[in-house]
Amino acid sequence: MSSQRNEFNEINITPLTDIFLVLLIIMMVIAPLLDQQGLHLTVPENVSQEQLDNKETKIMTVMIDESDKIYIDGETVETENLEDKIKELAVEFPDGLLIKTDGDATHGAMVKVMDSARNAGVTSISVDEI
């Protein structure tokens, strides 16, 4: 008896093809879910201080301190009343809203003010650090 071994000359790619098809189907199902909306931000234009001094602007200023307390015109505003207060004052300040935050304020407090302003109809929002 001769002990000849059958040599393996071909690679079976069927399992590899099956794996790629499964991955392709998974990506086709997940891809539409990845299209989520985020914040739509516009890059502000550079304005010199002289242009700001010459132009009479009416911008509402909202301040956030290190303990996440929100102040509009020096008075504390609760987060439940924030949107109503901004909507009420937006008529007097048509040029937008400036959020001044303390360096230790949380990001969540600033986002809460931005969301309230957007829901109140304010379209121009700027952020500055105190």
Protein backbone atom coordinates (compact mmCIF):
# COMPACT_ATOMS: atom_id res chain seq x y z
CA MET A 1 0.00 0.00 0.00
CA SER A 2 1.23 3.33 -0.85
CA SER A 3 0.53 6.10 1.52
CA GLN A 4 -0.34 8.91 -0.78
CA ARG A 5 -1.95 11.95 0.66
CA ASN A 6 -4.36 13.96 -1.30
CA GLU A 7 -2.98 17.40 -1.60
CA PHE A 8 -5.22 20.33 -0.87
CA ASN A 9 -4.93 22.61 -3.89
CA GLU A 10 -7.98 24.84 -3.54
CA ILE A 11 -9.19 27.18 -0.81
CA ASN A 12 -12.85 26.96 0.02
CA ILE A 13 -14.06 30.60 0.22
CA THR A 14 -17.70 29.80 0.85
CA PRO A 15 -17.52 30.44 4.64
CA LEU A 16 -15.64 33.70 4.01
CA THR A 17 -18.29 34.81 1.51
CA ASP A 18 -21.03 34.00 4.02
CA ILE A 19 -19.36 36.15 6.66
CA PHE A 20 -18.99 39.08 4.26
CA LEU A 21 -22.65 38.85 3.23
CA VAL A 22 -23.76 38.87 6.87
CA LEU A 23 -21.57 41.92 7.57
CA LEU A 24 -22.94 43.67 4.48
CA ILE A 25 -26.52 43.06 5.61
CA ILE A 26 -25.73 44.35 9.11
CA MET A 27 -24.18 47.52 7.69
CA MET A 28 -27.16 48.07 5.37
CA VAL A 29 -29.52 47.85 8.35
CA ILE A 30 -27.45 50.06 10.67
CA ALA A 31 -26.42 52.77 8.17
CA PRO A 32 -29.80 54.59 8.06
CA LEU A 33 -29.84 54.72 11.86
CA LEU A 34 -26.53 56.60 11.95
CA ASP A 35 -28.01 59.66 10.24
CA GLN A 36 -28.80 61.68 13.37
CA GLN A 37 -29.31 65.40 13.61
CA GLY A 38 -26.89 67.40 15.67
CA LEU A 39 -26.42 71.04 16.46
CA HIS A 40 -26.49 73.29 13.43
CA LEU A 41 -23.82 75.87 14.11
CA THR A 42 -22.71 78.73 11.95
CA VAL A 43 -19.25 80.15 12.23
CA PRO A 44 -19.38 83.76 13.39
CA GLU A 45 -17.71 86.46 11.38
CA ASN A 46 -14.84 88.44 12.84
CA VAL A 47 -15.99 91.81 14.12
CA SER A 48 -13.64 94.40 15.56
CA GLN A 49 -14.36 96.15 18.85
CA GLU A 50 -14.78 99.51 17.05
CA GLN A 51 -17.53 98.05 14.88
CA LEU A 52 -19.29 96.81 17.98
CA ASP A 53 -18.98 100.19 19.69
CA ASN A 54 -20.36 102.02 16.64
CA LYS A 55 -23.27 99.66 16.22
CA GLU A 56 -26.08 99.81 18.73
CA THR A 57 -26.90 96.18 19.44
CA LYS A 58 -29.58 94.78 21.64
CA ILE A 59 -28.31 91.44 22.85
CA MET A 60 -29.77 89.58 25.81
CA THR A 61 -27.10 88.38 28.23
CA VAL A 62 -27.53 85.17 30.19
CA MET A 63 -24.93 84.34 32.83
CA ILE A 64 -24.20 80.91 34.30
CA ASP A 65 -22.11 80.76 37.48
CA GLU A 66 -19.96 77.92 38.81
CA SER A 67 -22.93 76.36 40.65
CA ASP A 68 -25.00 76.32 37.40
CA LYS A 69 -27.33 79.11 38.53
CA ILE A 70 -28.73 81.04 35.58
CA TYR A 71 -29.05 84.84 35.67
CA ILE A 72 -30.82 87.12 33.22
CA ASP A 73 -30.44 90.86 33.89
CA GLY A 74 -28.98 90.12 37.31
CA GLU A 75 -31.91 88.08 38.59
CA THR A 76 -31.88 84.32 39.09
CA VAL A 77 -34.08 82.32 36.74
CA GLU A 78 -35.15 78.75 37.48
CA THR A 79 -34.67 76.25 34.66
CA GLU A 80 -38.41 75.54 34.54
CA ASN A 81 -39.12 79.23 33.79
CA LEU A 82 -36.09 79.82 31.56
CA GLU A 83 -37.77 79.32 28.18
CA ASP A 84 -40.72 81.57 29.11
CA LYS A 85 -38.38 84.30 30.40
CA ILE A 86 -36.25 84.20 27.24
CA LYS A 87 -39.36 84.27 25.05
CA GLU A 88 -40.65 87.27 27.01
CA LEU A 89 -37.38 89.21 26.69
CA ALA A 90 -36.66 88.20 23.06
CA VAL A 91 -38.92 91.00 21.84
CA GLU A 92 -36.73 93.60 23.57
CA PHE A 93 -33.48 91.98 22.36
CA PRO A 94 -33.88 91.19 18.64
CA ASP A 95 -30.13 90.84 17.94
CA GLY A 96 -29.74 87.54 19.78
CA LEU A 97 -28.47 86.02 22.99
CA LEU A 98 -25.05 85.99 24.64
CA ILE A 99 -24.35 83.21 27.13
CA LYS A 100 -21.55 84.05 29.57
CA THR A 101 -20.43 81.01 31.51
CA ASP A 102 -18.07 80.51 34.40
CA GLY A 103 -15.17 78.18 33.68
CA ASP A 104 -16.46 75.73 36.28
CA ALA A 105 -20.06 75.65 35.00
CA THR A 106 -21.23 72.36 33.55
CA HIS A 107 -21.79 71.81 29.89
CA GLY A 108 -25.33 70.66 30.64
CA ALA A 109 -26.32 74.07 32.03
CA MET A 110 -25.11 75.81 28.88
CA VAL A 111 -26.91 73.33 26.64
CA LYS A 112 -30.09 73.85 28.70
CA VAL A 113 -29.89 77.62 28.04
CA MET A 114 -29.16 77.05 24.34
CA ASP A 115 -32.12 74.66 24.00
CA SER A 116 -34.44 77.04 25.83
CA ALA A 117 -33.32 79.93 23.62
CA ARG A 118 -33.82 77.91 20.45
CA ASN A 119 -37.28 76.80 21.61
CA ALA A 120 -38.11 80.43 22.43
CA GLY A 121 -37.32 81.45 18.85
CA VAL A 122 -33.85 82.98 19.30
CA THR A 123 -31.75 82.24 16.23
CA SER A 124 -28.48 84.01 17.05
CA ILE A 125 -26.65 82.57 20.08
CA SER A 126 -23.10 83.37 21.18
CA VAL A 127 -21.06 81.88 24.02
CA ASP A 128 -18.37 83.62 26.06
CA GLU A 129 -16.44 82.66 29.19
CA ILE A 130 -16.46 84.98 32.18
